[in-house]
Protein backbone atom coordinates (compact mmCIF):
# COMPACT_ATOMS: atom_id res chain seq x y z
CA UNK A 1 0.00 0.00 0.00
CA UNK A 2 1.33 3.44 -0.93
CA UNK A 3 1.68 6.24 1.59
CA UNK A 4 -0.40 9.31 0.70
CA UNK A 5 0.58 12.86 1.59
CA UNK A 6 -1.75 15.88 1.58
CA UNK A 7 0.17 17.19 -1.44
CA UNK A 8 -1.05 14.16 -3.40
CA UNK A 9 -4.78 14.70 -2.96
CA UNK A 10 -6.71 15.82 -6.03
CA UNK A 11 -9.86 17.77 -5.10
CA UNK A 12 -12.16 17.20 -8.06
CA UNK A 13 -14.66 19.92 -7.07
CA UNK A 14 -12.01 22.61 -6.67
CA UNK A 15 -9.80 24.23 -9.32
CA UNK A 16 -8.51 23.15 -11.76
CA UNK A 17 -11.08 20.34 -12.11
CA UNK A 18 -14.14 22.25 -10.93
CA UNK A 19 -16.63 19.38 -11.06
CA UNK A 20 -20.14 20.26 -9.85
CA UNK A 21 -21.24 17.64 -7.33
CA UNK A 22 -24.69 19.16 -6.72
CA UNK A 23 -26.58 16.89 -9.15
CA UNK A 24 -24.53 13.71 -8.91
CA UNK A 25 -24.16 10.85 -6.46
CA UNK A 26 -20.73 9.53 -5.56
CA UNK A 27 -19.78 5.97 -4.67
CA UNK A 28 -16.39 4.98 -3.38
CA UNK A 29 -13.62 7.52 -3.17
CA UNK A 30 -9.99 7.81 -2.16
CA UNK A 31 -8.56 5.85 -5.10
CA UNK A 32 -11.58 4.88 -7.23
CA UNK A 33 -14.75 6.95 -7.37
CA UNK A 34 -18.00 6.22 -9.19
CA UNK A 35 -20.14 9.11 -10.43
CA UNK A 36 -23.88 8.66 -10.99
CA UNK A 37 -26.52 11.11 -12.12
CA UNK A 38 -29.36 11.85 -9.68
CA UNK A 39 -32.90 11.11 -10.77
CA UNK A 40 -34.68 14.45 -11.22
CA UNK A 41 -37.80 13.22 -9.42
CA UNK A 42 -36.50 10.96 -6.65
CA UNK A 43 -32.96 12.21 -6.09
CA UNK A 44 -31.75 8.61 -6.17
CA UNK A 45 -28.61 7.67 -8.13
CA UNK A 46 -29.31 6.70 -11.73
CA UNK A 47 -27.32 5.61 -14.77
CA UNK A 48 -30.09 6.97 -17.02
CA UNK A 49 -28.84 10.32 -18.35
CA UNK A 50 -32.34 11.16 -19.59
CA UNK A 51 -33.83 10.83 -16.09
CA UNK A 52 -30.96 12.61 -14.37
CA UNK A 53 -31.25 16.13 -13.03
CA UNK A 54 -29.00 18.91 -14.22
CA UNK A 55 -28.05 17.45 -17.58
CA UNK A 56 -25.82 14.61 -16.35
CA UNK A 57 -23.26 14.14 -19.13
CA UNK A 58 -20.78 11.30 -18.53
CA UNK A 59 -18.64 12.25 -21.56
CA UNK A 60 -18.27 15.83 -20.30
CA UNK A 61 -17.25 14.63 -16.83
CA UNK A 62 -14.65 12.26 -18.32
CA UNK A 63 -13.21 15.03 -20.53
CA UNK A 64 -13.06 17.52 -17.66
CA UNK A 65 -11.32 15.11 -15.26
CA UNK A 66 -8.84 13.89 -17.88
CA UNK A 67 -7.88 17.50 -18.65
CA UNK A 68 -7.53 18.68 -15.06
CA UNK A 69 -4.81 16.50 -13.50
CA UNK A 70 -2.15 14.14 -14.89
CA UNK A 71 -2.45 11.67 -11.97
CA UNK A 72 -6.19 11.07 -12.30
CA UNK A 73 -7.98 9.23 -15.12
CA UNK A 74 -11.70 9.06 -15.83
CA UNK A 75 -13.56 6.49 -17.91
CA UNK A 76 -17.09 6.19 -19.18
CA UNK A 77 -18.31 2.77 -17.97
CA UNK A 78 -18.13 1.22 -21.45
CA UNK A 79 -14.56 2.49 -21.91
CA UNK A 80 -13.02 1.02 -18.75
CA UNK A 81 -10.10 -1.14 -19.93
CA UNK A 82 -10.99 -4.85 -20.04
CA UNK A 83 -7.97 -5.71 -17.87
CA UNK A 84 -9.77 -4.09 -14.90
CA UNK A 85 -12.80 -6.38 -15.29
CA UNK A 86 -14.86 -3.50 -13.98
CA UNK A 87 -17.65 -2.66 -16.39
CA UNK A 88 -20.02 -5.59 -16.80
CA UNK A 89 -22.08 -5.12 -13.62
CA UNK A 90 -25.15 -2.89 -13.23
CA UNK A 91 -23.67 -1.63 -9.94
CA UNK A 92 -20.78 0.05 -11.75
CA UNK A 93 -21.29 3.81 -12.11
CA UNK A 94 -21.58 5.50 -15.53
CA UNK A 95 -18.29 7.33 -14.81
CA UNK A 96 -15.28 5.81 -13.04
CA UNK A 97 -12.50 8.08 -11.78
CA UNK A 98 -9.22 6.49 -10.68
CA UNK A 99 -6.13 7.98 -9.07
CA UNK A 100 -2.60 6.81 -9.84
CA UNK A 101 -0.67 4.85 -7.21
CA UNK A 102 0.39 7.24 -4.47
CA UNK A 103 -2.47 9.68 -5.17
CA UNK A 104 -5.99 10.01 -3.80
CA UNK A 105 -9.16 11.80 -4.90
CA UNK A 106 -11.71 13.77 -2.92
CA UNK A 107 -14.63 16.03 -3.82
CA UNK A 108 -13.60 19.32 -2.24
CA UNK A 109 -10.75 20.33 0.04
CA UNK A 110 -13.38 21.18 2.66
CA UNK A 111 -14.39 17.48 2.65
CA UNK A 112 -10.87 16.29 3.52
CA UNK A 113 -10.82 14.65 6.91
CA UNK A 114 -14.58 14.07 7.10
CA UNK A 115 -15.18 10.68 8.58
CA UNK A 116 -11.76 10.50 10.23
CA UNK A 117 -11.85 9.04 13.64
């Protein structure tokens, strides 16, 4: 297991990534994060972009994450490399974000440390 320092945390909601987490649901975190749209009516996570609130656009999220930091990679579910064996299940999010070894991902810097204890 790699040691992580605070200098190796990528905050996806802060600059330069600037992802808007208000209309998405997050699963996982730290090294691998799943991003789901939120159903406009129920607020529940959904893979259905048509039902999602706020114009959930997996391709736009992937492009934004890939452009914002060299140590973080995003994939649309169908584009996850086969070697990961991580795309055939309905429980896999429409967008997968993965940090390189020695790096971690978090939503916002203000979230860092939540849940410690």
